Amino acid sequence: MNQSASAEGAVTSRVMRRLLPFLLLMYVLAFLDRANIGFAQKALQQDTGLTNAAFAFGAGVFFVGYAIFEVPSNLLLHRVGAKLWMCRIMVTWGLVSAAMAFAHNATTFYTLRFLLGVAEAGFFPGIVYYLTRWFPQSSRARALGVFYFGAPLAFIFGAPLSGLLLDLHGALGFKGWQWLFLVEGLLASIVGVWAFWYLDDHPAKARWLTQDQRALLVARLDEDARSASLHGPRSVLASLVDPRVLVLCCVYFLIQAAVYGVVFYLPQQVSALLGAKVGFRVGLVTALPWIAAVIVTWIVPRYADRTGRHRSCAAALLVLSGIAIAVSGLAGSPVVSIIALCCAASGFIAAQPLFWTFPTRYLTGAAAAAGIALINSLGGLGGFFAPMARTAAEAAFHSTSAGLMVLAGASVLAALIIVALVRVPVRRPECQPITHGETADAS
């Protein structure tokens, strides 16, 4: 058993080295292209006359297009393969993101943000599904944790980059925010073409693995799939109405509300704390919460994989995030607020790879493609409602802190639902099928 575990660990490490850096690059560009309007906000509003409410609607309408086409997109990925479909997604979303440089009025802004959601639909759940076809359950949280570095890395490197692009204001006759959308969008399209030549659809097709490594990995993944099929729906329709999937949709909705309610306004919040305009300096400080998130996301999923406490760790991280979001709005000190934002980002980023181990324990095949997509699409609507809820709360209570309290409450409520309602089957360390009714974090 030790020799088998050692061989599995070696092949898993090889797969991580091969796939995760590239998938990480893809996610960095995806997250940057959906969230870079936070950097462009002030300049964009000045040049186009967008009101705060119009900006909030445009920021969120992305998730409407995303939600509508999420399930069909992931089912197409399941049918045609990841390399072709990921190439299509990245090329089209990059072109739409670049076109944001020409959003000179509210109608164009709304339309392009909606189309960006349509173009990107299926990317994230597609990657989660893709990882289930490469990583056994015993290493899946670690793999998802590394993939989730994409969100913080998008700000660690993307924040200063976005600041520098904004500082190009006037170059070649373009505004700074136009440079921001053009450069970051076209980068995504270039990487999308690269993805077609770099990715393999399944371990059986991976020529960079030895024959023995392919056989071992395929056998282990088939074992996980058989275990999952014992506990979850087997058809697409059954997965879409499964009560456990619907509960996870609610949890993910609340998580995404907290994430994007913070992300879309983080550069402006840091700008206000520093008393400086959004540029390179603000971009550097904005990167600090995401550096903290990378560290925590590296540590906690590994601890959860080792101990099996994915559920309790996820709940604790979301409570930490909620408290920190509240503190960031109430603290009178900029230093305390920045530290609180570091804790908030660490909590809601590190909790998400743990969250995705819940559905992948009982969803497999086409049911997994559909169920994961549904969770991401309905849950992702939290990113649509969060900016408007934050703006409405601030207007109603005449306080910027009020919006943050709403986001803090969403994060804590997500933790409570996980503790109260989420139960997922687990596999024993010796990889034997579990008995019916055994659940994660049962201890």
Protein backbone atom coordinates (compact mmCIF):
# COMPACT_ATOMS: atom_id res chain seq x y z
CA MET A 1 0.00 0.00 0.00
CA ASN A 2 2.85 2.38 0.80
CA GLN A 3 4.49 1.61 -2.53
CA SER A 4 1.19 2.19 -4.33
CA ALA A 5 0.64 5.47 -2.48
CA SER A 6 4.19 6.55 -3.35
CA ALA A 7 3.63 5.79 -7.04
CA GLU A 8 0.32 7.67 -6.99
CA GLY A 9 1.98 10.63 -5.28
CA ALA A 10 4.72 10.70 -7.92
CA VAL A 11 2.32 10.71 -10.87
CA THR A 12 0.07 13.30 -9.19
CA SER A 13 3.08 15.57 -8.65
CA ARG A 14 4.00 15.22 -12.30
CA VAL A 15 0.49 16.11 -13.41
CA MET A 16 0.53 19.13 -11.09
CA ARG A 17 3.80 20.39 -12.57
CA ARG A 18 2.51 19.93 -16.09
CA LEU A 19 -1.04 21.25 -15.89
CA LEU A 20 -1.45 23.61 -12.95
CA PRO A 21 0.94 26.42 -14.01
CA PHE A 22 -0.85 26.70 -17.36
CA LEU A 23 -4.35 26.45 -15.88
CA LEU A 24 -3.27 29.03 -13.34
CA LEU A 25 -2.23 31.41 -16.11
CA MET A 26 -5.63 30.93 -17.75
CA TYR A 27 -7.46 31.69 -14.50
CA VAL A 28 -5.32 34.76 -13.81
CA LEU A 29 -6.37 36.21 -17.16
CA ALA A 30 -10.01 35.19 -16.66
CA PHE A 31 -10.25 36.79 -13.24
CA LEU A 32 -8.40 39.89 -14.40
CA ASP A 33 -10.70 40.39 -17.38
CA ARG A 34 -13.87 40.13 -15.28
CA ALA A 35 -12.58 42.27 -12.38
CA ASN A 36 -10.40 44.89 -14.07
CA ILE A 37 -13.32 47.31 -14.25
CA GLY A 38 -12.59 47.94 -10.57
CA PHE A 39 -9.38 49.67 -11.68
CA ALA A 40 -11.03 51.37 -14.63
CA GLN A 41 -14.07 52.53 -12.62
CA LYS A 42 -13.24 56.14 -11.85
CA ALA A 43 -11.72 57.02 -15.22
CA LEU A 44 -14.42 55.10 -17.09
CA GLN A 45 -17.18 56.92 -15.22
CA GLN A 46 -15.57 60.29 -15.80
CA ASP A 47 -15.25 59.71 -19.55
CA THR A 48 -18.60 58.03 -20.14
CA GLY A 49 -20.81 59.68 -17.52
CA LEU A 50 -21.83 56.35 -15.93
CA THR A 51 -23.52 56.77 -12.56
CA ASN A 52 -22.62 54.60 -9.58
CA ALA A 53 -25.82 52.62 -10.06
CA ALA A 54 -25.12 52.14 -13.79
CA PHE A 55 -21.59 50.98 -13.04
CA ALA A 56 -22.87 48.52 -10.42
CA PHE A 57 -25.42 47.10 -12.87
CA GLY A 58 -22.80 46.76 -15.62
CA ALA A 59 -20.34 45.13 -13.23
CA GLY A 60 -22.94 42.58 -12.23
CA VAL A 61 -24.69 41.91 -15.57
CA PHE A 62 -21.64 39.88 -16.59
CA PHE A 63 -22.92 37.14 -14.30
CA VAL A 64 -26.33 37.02 -16.00
CA GLY A 65 -24.83 36.03 -19.35
CA TYR A 66 -22.46 33.75 -17.50
CA ALA A 67 -25.28 31.97 -15.67
CA ILE A 68 -27.51 31.46 -18.71
CA PHE A 69 -24.88 29.68 -20.78
CA GLU A 70 -22.91 27.92 -18.04
CA VAL A 71 -24.55 24.48 -18.13
CA PRO A 72 -24.75 24.20 -21.96
CA SER A 73 -21.12 25.27 -22.21
CA ASN A 74 -19.90 22.68 -19.73
CA LEU A 75 -21.90 19.91 -21.40
CA LEU A 76 -20.26 20.87 -24.71
CA LEU A 77 -16.86 20.69 -23.02
CA HIS A 78 -17.73 17.20 -21.79
CA ARG A 79 -18.64 16.22 -25.36
CA VAL A 80 -15.88 17.86 -27.47
CA GLY A 81 -13.01 17.93 -24.98
CA ALA A 82 -11.30 20.57 -22.90
CA LYS A 83 -8.54 21.64 -25.28
CA LEU A 84 -10.91 22.69 -28.08
CA TRP A 85 -13.55 24.24 -25.83
CA MET A 86 -11.11 26.12 -23.58
CA CYS A 87 -9.48 27.56 -26.69
CA ARG A 88 -12.88 28.79 -27.92
CA ILE A 89 -13.78 30.28 -24.56
CA MET A 90 -10.52 32.17 -24.07
CA VAL A 91 -10.26 33.54 -27.61
CA THR A 92 -13.83 34.89 -27.62
CA TRP A 93 -13.76 36.33 -24.12
CA GLY A 94 -10.41 38.01 -24.83
CA LEU A 95 -11.82 39.71 -27.92
CA VAL A 96 -14.94 40.89 -26.07
CA SER A 97 -12.84 42.16 -23.16
CA ALA A 98 -10.64 44.10 -25.55
CA ALA A 99 -13.76 45.60 -27.12
CA MET A 100 -14.56 47.12 -23.71
CA ALA A 101 -12.06 49.80 -24.71
CA PHE A 102 -14.83 51.23 -26.91
CA ALA A 103 -17.62 51.21 -24.28
CA HIS A 104 -18.37 54.93 -24.51
CA ASN A 105 -21.91 54.85 -23.14
CA ALA A 106 -24.06 52.86 -20.72
CA THR A 107 -25.76 50.73 -23.37
CA THR A 108 -22.47 49.58 -24.90
CA PHE A 109 -21.05 48.99 -21.42
CA TYR A 110 -24.00 46.79 -20.41
CA THR A 111 -23.96 44.89 -23.72
CA LEU A 112 -20.25 44.10 -23.65
CA ARG A 113 -20.30 43.05 -19.99
CA PHE A 114 -23.21 40.71 -20.75
CA LEU A 115 -21.41 39.29 -23.80
CA LEU A 116 -18.24 38.86 -21.75
CA GLY A 117 -20.24 36.64 -19.41
CA VAL A 118 -21.62 34.67 -22.37
CA ALA A 119 -18.13 34.22 -23.84
CA GLU A 120 -16.56 33.13 -20.54
CA ALA A 121 -19.45 30.84 -19.54
CA GLY A 122 -18.19 27.37 -18.80
CA PHE A 123 -14.58 28.36 -18.14
CA PHE A 124 -14.45 27.96 -14.38
CA PRO A 125 -16.75 24.91 -13.99
CA GLY A 126 -14.99 23.47 -17.02
CA ILE A 127 -11.66 23.68 -15.23
CA VAL A 128 -13.12 22.20 -12.03
CA TYR A 129 -14.58 19.33 -14.07
CA TYR A 130 -11.29 18.97 -15.98
CA LEU A 131 -9.36 18.64 -12.71
CA THR A 132 -11.67 15.81 -11.60
CA ARG A 133 -10.46 13.93 -14.70
CA TRP A 134 -6.81 14.35 -13.71
CA PHE A 135 -6.61 14.38 -9.91
CA PRO A 136 -7.87 11.67 -7.52
CA GLN A 137 -10.06 12.75 -4.62
CA SER A 138 -7.12 12.36 -2.23
CA SER A 139 -5.24 15.23 -3.91
CA ARG A 140 -8.10 17.25 -5.40
CA ALA A 141 -8.28 19.98 -2.73
CA ARG A 142 -4.56 20.65 -3.15
CA ALA A 143 -4.93 20.86 -6.93
CA LEU A 144 -7.95 23.15 -6.64
CA GLY A 145 -6.08 25.22 -4.06
CA VAL A 146 -3.21 25.82 -6.46
CA PHE A 147 -5.68 26.65 -9.24
CA TYR A 148 -7.35 29.15 -6.94
CA PHE A 149 -4.08 31.04 -6.74
CA GLY A 150 -5.32 32.56 -9.99
CA ALA A 151 -7.64 35.00 -8.26
CA PRO A 152 -5.04 36.46 -5.85
CA LEU A 153 -2.27 36.30 -8.47
CA ALA A 154 -4.50 38.27 -10.82
CA PHE A 155 -4.27 41.10 -8.30
CA ILE A 156 -0.69 40.56 -7.12
CA PHE A 157 0.60 40.95 -10.67
CA GLY A 158 -2.49 42.33 -12.34
CA ALA A 159 -3.01 45.20 -9.91
CA PRO A 160 0.35 46.86 -10.63
CA LEU A 161 -0.05 46.00 -14.34
CA SER A 162 -3.50 47.58 -14.40
CA GLY A 163 -2.12 50.63 -12.61
CA LEU A 164 0.70 50.96 -15.16
CA LEU A 165 -1.74 50.62 -18.07
CA LEU A 166 -3.94 53.34 -16.56
CA ASP A 167 -0.83 55.52 -16.36
CA LEU A 168 -0.45 55.17 -20.17
CA HIS A 169 -3.29 57.70 -20.46
CA GLY A 170 -2.92 59.62 -23.73
CA ALA A 171 -0.44 57.24 -25.41
CA LEU A 172 -1.28 56.80 -29.10
CA GLY A 173 -4.48 58.72 -28.45
CA PHE A 174 -6.00 56.12 -26.11
CA LYS A 175 -7.23 56.69 -22.58
CA GLY A 176 -5.60 54.75 -19.77
CA TRP A 177 -8.69 52.60 -19.20
CA GLN A 178 -8.76 51.76 -22.92
CA TRP A 179 -5.19 50.47 -22.74
CA LEU A 180 -6.24 48.40 -19.73
CA PHE A 181 -9.00 46.56 -21.59
CA LEU A 182 -7.10 46.20 -24.88
CA VAL A 183 -3.89 44.71 -23.49
CA GLU A 184 -5.44 42.40 -20.90
CA GLY A 185 -8.13 41.17 -23.30
CA LEU A 186 -5.74 40.35 -26.15
CA LEU A 187 -3.45 38.48 -23.74
CA ALA A 188 -6.35 36.11 -22.98
CA SER A 189 -6.94 35.39 -26.68
CA ILE A 190 -3.26 34.59 -27.26
CA VAL A 191 -3.19 32.15 -24.33
CA GLY A 192 -6.42 30.58 -25.62
CA VAL A 193 -4.73 29.61 -28.89
CA TRP A 194 -1.82 28.20 -26.90
CA ALA A 195 -4.25 26.10 -24.80
CA PHE A 196 -5.34 24.12 -27.87
CA TRP A 197 -1.80 22.85 -28.40
CA TYR A 198 -0.85 22.43 -24.74
CA LEU A 199 -3.76 20.66 -23.01
CA ASP A 200 -4.71 16.98 -23.19
CA ASP A 201 -8.33 15.95 -22.69
CA HIS A 202 -7.66 12.93 -20.46
CA PRO A 203 -4.70 11.10 -18.83
CA ALA A 204 -5.04 8.23 -21.34
CA LYS A 205 -3.97 10.67 -24.07
CA ALA A 206 -1.04 12.22 -22.16
CA ARG A 207 2.16 11.28 -23.98
CA TRP A 208 4.20 13.09 -21.32
CA LEU A 209 3.25 10.31 -18.85
CA THR A 210 4.69 6.81 -19.04
CA GLN A 211 2.40 3.91 -19.87
CA ASP A 212 2.50 2.71 -16.25
CA GLN A 213 1.73 6.21 -14.96
CA ARG A 214 -1.25 6.54 -17.31
CA ALA A 215 -2.59 3.16 -16.25
CA LEU A 216 -2.21 3.93 -12.54
CA LEU A 217 -3.86 7.33 -12.80
CA VAL A 218 -6.76 6.10 -14.95
CA ALA A 219 -7.39 3.21 -12.54
CA ARG A 220 -7.41 5.53 -9.53
CA LEU A 221 -9.75 8.00 -11.21
CA ASP A 222 -12.09 5.20 -12.28
CA GLU A 223 -12.15 4.03 -8.66
CA ASP A 224 -13.17 7.52 -7.51
CA ALA A 225 -15.83 7.69 -10.22
CA ARG A 226 -17.34 4.38 -9.12
CA SER A 227 -17.44 5.59 -5.52
CA ALA A 228 -19.08 8.87 -6.55
CA SER A 229 -21.71 7.06 -8.60
CA LEU A 230 -22.81 5.14 -5.50
CA HIS A 231 -23.75 8.34 -3.68
CA GLY A 232 -24.90 10.82 -6.29
CA PRO A 233 -27.12 11.33 -9.37
CA ARG A 234 -26.01 9.64 -12.57
CA SER A 235 -27.88 11.65 -15.20
CA VAL A 236 -27.72 15.30 -16.21
CA LEU A 237 -31.34 15.99 -15.25
CA ALA A 238 -31.02 14.26 -11.88
CA SER A 239 -27.95 16.33 -11.02
CA LEU A 240 -29.77 19.57 -11.84
CA VAL A 241 -32.55 18.88 -9.32
CA ASP A 242 -30.51 17.11 -6.65
CA PRO A 243 -31.21 18.79 -3.26
CA ARG A 244 -27.53 18.69 -2.30
CA VAL A 245 -26.60 20.50 -5.50
CA LEU A 246 -29.25 23.17 -4.86
CA VAL A 247 -27.97 23.74 -1.30
CA LEU A 248 -24.46 24.16 -2.69
CA CYS A 249 -25.83 26.67 -5.22
CA CYS A 250 -27.08 28.78 -2.27
CA VAL A 251 -23.76 28.51 -0.45
CA TYR A 252 -21.79 29.48 -3.53
CA PHE A 253 -24.14 32.39 -4.23
CA LEU A 254 -23.32 33.83 -0.80
CA ILE A 255 -19.58 33.23 -1.22
CA GLN A 256 -19.52 34.93 -4.61
CA ALA A 257 -21.55 37.86 -3.27
CA ALA A 258 -18.86 38.42 -0.64
CA VAL A 259 -16.03 37.95 -3.15
CA TYR A 260 -17.24 40.29 -5.88
CA GLY A 261 -18.80 42.80 -3.52
CA VAL A 262 -15.25 43.32 -2.26
CA VAL A 263 -13.28 42.74 -5.49
CA PHE A 264 -15.12 45.21 -7.73
CA TYR A 265 -14.57 48.05 -5.24
CA LEU A 266 -11.24 47.07 -3.67
CA PRO A 267 -9.05 49.49 -5.69
CA GLN A 268 -11.38 52.37 -4.82
CA GLN A 269 -11.46 51.32 -1.14
CA VAL A 270 -7.66 51.22 -1.00
CA SER A 271 -7.50 54.52 -2.86
CA ALA A 272 -9.71 56.14 -0.20
CA LEU A 273 -7.64 54.61 2.62
CA LEU A 274 -4.40 55.95 1.13
CA GLY A 275 -5.83 59.26 -0.02
CA ALA A 276 -4.33 58.66 -3.48
CA LYS A 277 -5.72 58.18 -6.99
CA VAL A 278 -5.87 54.70 -8.49
CA GLY A 279 -2.52 54.06 -10.15
CA PHE A 280 0.69 52.12 -9.61
CA ARG A 281 0.97 52.91 -5.88
CA VAL A 282 -2.63 51.91 -5.15
CA GLY A 283 -2.11 48.84 -7.32
CA LEU A 284 0.83 47.73 -5.17
CA VAL A 285 -1.10 48.09 -1.92
CA THR A 286 -4.14 46.39 -3.46
CA ALA A 287 -1.91 43.38 -4.11
CA LEU A 288 -1.25 42.83 -0.37
CA PRO A 289 -4.55 41.06 0.46
CA TRP A 290 -3.97 38.68 -2.43
CA ILE A 291 -0.44 37.84 -1.29
CA ALA A 292 -1.95 36.83 2.04
CA ALA A 293 -4.61 34.83 0.19
CA VAL A 294 -1.97 32.87 -1.73
CA ILE A 295 -0.22 31.86 1.49
CA VAL A 296 -3.42 30.73 3.23
CA THR A 297 -4.68 28.94 0.10
CA TRP A 298 -1.40 27.03 -0.10
CA ILE A 299 -1.58 25.88 3.53
CA VAL A 300 -5.23 25.16 4.36
CA PRO A 301 -6.25 22.81 1.49
CA ARG A 302 -3.20 20.67 2.22
CA TYR A 303 -4.20 20.49 5.87
CA ALA A 304 -7.76 19.60 4.85
CA ASP A 305 -6.60 16.83 2.48
CA ARG A 306 -4.39 15.41 5.24
CA THR A 307 -7.07 15.47 7.96
CA GLY A 308 -10.29 15.18 5.95
CA ARG A 309 -11.71 18.34 7.59
CA HIS A 310 -12.71 20.13 4.40
CA ARG A 311 -16.13 21.16 5.71
CA SER A 312 -15.05 22.60 9.07
CA CYS A 313 -12.08 24.41 7.51
CA ALA A 314 -14.30 25.97 4.84
CA ALA A 315 -16.80 27.19 7.44
CA ALA A 316 -14.07 28.65 9.67
CA LEU A 317 -12.49 30.51 6.74
CA LEU A 318 -15.83 32.05 5.74
CA VAL A 319 -16.50 33.23 9.30
CA LEU A 320 -13.01 34.79 9.34
CA SER A 321 -13.76 36.48 6.02
CA GLY A 322 -17.09 37.89 7.21
CA ILE A 323 -15.61 39.36 10.40
CA ALA A 324 -12.69 40.83 8.46
CA ILE A 325 -14.93 42.44 5.82
CA ALA A 326 -16.87 44.15 8.61
CA VAL A 327 -13.71 45.33 10.36
CA SER A 328 -12.30 46.76 7.12
CA GLY A 329 -15.24 49.14 6.96
CA LEU A 330 -15.38 50.07 10.64
CA ALA A 331 -11.70 50.46 11.52
CA GLY A 332 -10.51 54.03 11.82
CA SER A 333 -6.93 53.14 10.90
CA PRO A 334 -5.85 52.50 7.28
CA VAL A 335 -3.31 49.93 8.54
CA VAL A 336 -6.00 47.98 10.43
CA SER A 337 -8.31 48.14 7.41
CA ILE A 338 -5.60 46.77 5.09
CA ILE A 339 -4.85 43.93 7.54
CA ALA A 340 -8.59 43.18 7.72
CA LEU A 341 -8.78 43.08 3.92
CA CYS A 342 -5.86 40.62 3.93
CA CYS A 343 -7.84 38.35 6.28
CA ALA A 344 -11.03 38.76 4.22
CA ALA A 345 -9.34 37.84 0.93
CA SER A 346 -7.54 34.91 2.58
CA GLY A 347 -10.83 33.59 3.95
CA PHE A 348 -13.04 33.72 0.89
CA ILE A 349 -10.33 32.59 -1.53
CA ALA A 350 -9.02 29.64 0.54
CA ALA A 351 -12.56 28.45 1.32
CA GLN A 352 -13.46 27.93 -2.34
CA PRO A 353 -11.17 25.01 -3.28
CA LEU A 354 -12.48 23.25 -0.16
CA PHE A 355 -16.05 24.01 -1.25
CA TRP A 356 -15.53 22.37 -4.66
CA THR A 357 -14.53 19.08 -3.06
CA PHE A 358 -18.13 18.76 -1.80
CA PRO A 359 -19.94 18.22 -5.14
CA THR A 360 -17.06 16.31 -6.76
CA ARG A 361 -17.39 13.57 -4.13
CA TYR A 362 -20.76 12.45 -5.47
CA LEU A 363 -20.93 13.80 -9.03
CA THR A 364 -19.19 12.11 -11.94
CA GLY A 365 -19.31 12.08 -15.76
CA ALA A 366 -21.96 14.19 -17.51
CA ALA A 367 -23.78 14.61 -14.17
CA ALA A 368 -20.63 16.26 -12.78
CA ALA A 369 -20.32 18.54 -15.81
CA ALA A 370 -23.94 19.67 -15.40
CA GLY A 371 -24.03 19.85 -11.60
CA ILE A 372 -20.76 21.77 -11.26
CA ALA A 373 -21.90 24.18 -13.98
CA LEU A 374 -25.26 24.75 -12.27
CA ILE A 375 -23.59 25.48 -8.93
CA ASN A 376 -21.21 27.92 -10.57
CA SER A 377 -23.89 29.61 -12.69
CA LEU A 378 -26.58 30.09 -10.02
CA GLY A 379 -23.98 30.71 -7.34
CA GLY A 380 -22.17 33.13 -9.59
CA LEU A 381 -25.28 35.33 -9.69
CA GLY A 382 -24.06 36.49 -6.30
CA GLY A 383 -21.59 38.53 -8.32
CA PHE A 384 -24.53 40.19 -10.09
CA PHE A 385 -26.47 41.09 -6.94
CA ALA A 386 -23.53 42.01 -4.71
CA PRO A 387 -22.55 45.35 -6.35
CA MET A 388 -26.17 46.51 -6.42
CA ALA A 389 -26.84 45.33 -2.85
CA ARG A 390 -23.72 47.10 -1.64
CA THR A 391 -24.63 50.31 -3.47
CA ALA A 392 -28.24 50.17 -2.20
CA ALA A 393 -27.14 49.63 1.41
CA GLU A 394 -24.70 52.52 1.23
CA ALA A 395 -27.39 54.80 -0.20
CA ALA A 396 -30.01 53.71 2.33
CA PHE A 397 -27.79 54.20 5.39
CA HIS A 398 -25.61 56.99 3.95
CA SER A 399 -22.52 55.04 4.93
CA THR A 400 -19.90 53.11 2.96
CA SER A 401 -19.68 50.69 5.91
CA ALA A 402 -23.29 49.57 5.43
CA GLY A 403 -22.50 47.85 2.14
CA LEU A 404 -19.62 46.00 3.73
CA MET A 405 -21.88 44.77 6.53
CA VAL A 406 -24.15 43.17 3.93
CA LEU A 407 -21.18 41.36 2.39
CA ALA A 408 -19.93 40.27 5.82
CA GLY A 409 -23.34 38.81 6.60
CA ALA A 410 -23.33 36.85 3.32
CA SER A 411 -20.00 35.23 4.17
CA VAL A 412 -21.07 34.23 7.69
CA LEU A 413 -24.42 32.89 6.44
CA ALA A 414 -22.57 30.70 3.92
CA ALA A 415 -20.53 29.24 6.79
CA LEU A 416 -23.66 28.49 8.81
CA ILE A 417 -25.32 26.68 5.91
CA ILE A 418 -22.21 24.55 5.38
CA VAL A 419 -22.22 23.52 9.03
CA ALA A 420 -25.96 22.87 9.17
CA LEU A 421 -26.82 21.38 5.79
CA VAL A 422 -23.79 20.20 3.84
CA ARG A 423 -23.02 16.50 4.21
CA VAL A 424 -20.77 14.76 1.70
CA PRO A 425 -19.53 11.16 1.39
CA VAL A 426 -15.84 10.50 2.01
CA ARG A 427 -13.43 7.74 1.11
CA ARG A 428 -11.33 6.01 3.67
CA PRO A 429 -7.56 6.58 3.49
CA GLU A 430 -7.07 3.01 2.27
CA CYS A 431 -9.26 3.94 -0.74
CA GLN A 432 -12.00 1.43 0.06
CA PRO A 433 -15.60 2.39 -0.71
CA ILE A 434 -17.33 3.92 2.29
CA THR A 435 -20.47 2.65 3.88
CA HIS A 436 -23.70 4.40 3.05
CA GLY A 437 -24.38 7.44 5.21
CA GLU A 438 -20.79 8.18 6.25
CA THR A 439 -20.05 11.89 5.93
CA ALA A 440 -17.12 14.27 5.87
CA ASP A 441 -16.07 15.89 9.14
CA ALA A 442 -18.12 13.29 10.94
CA SER A 443 -15.72 13.39 13.84
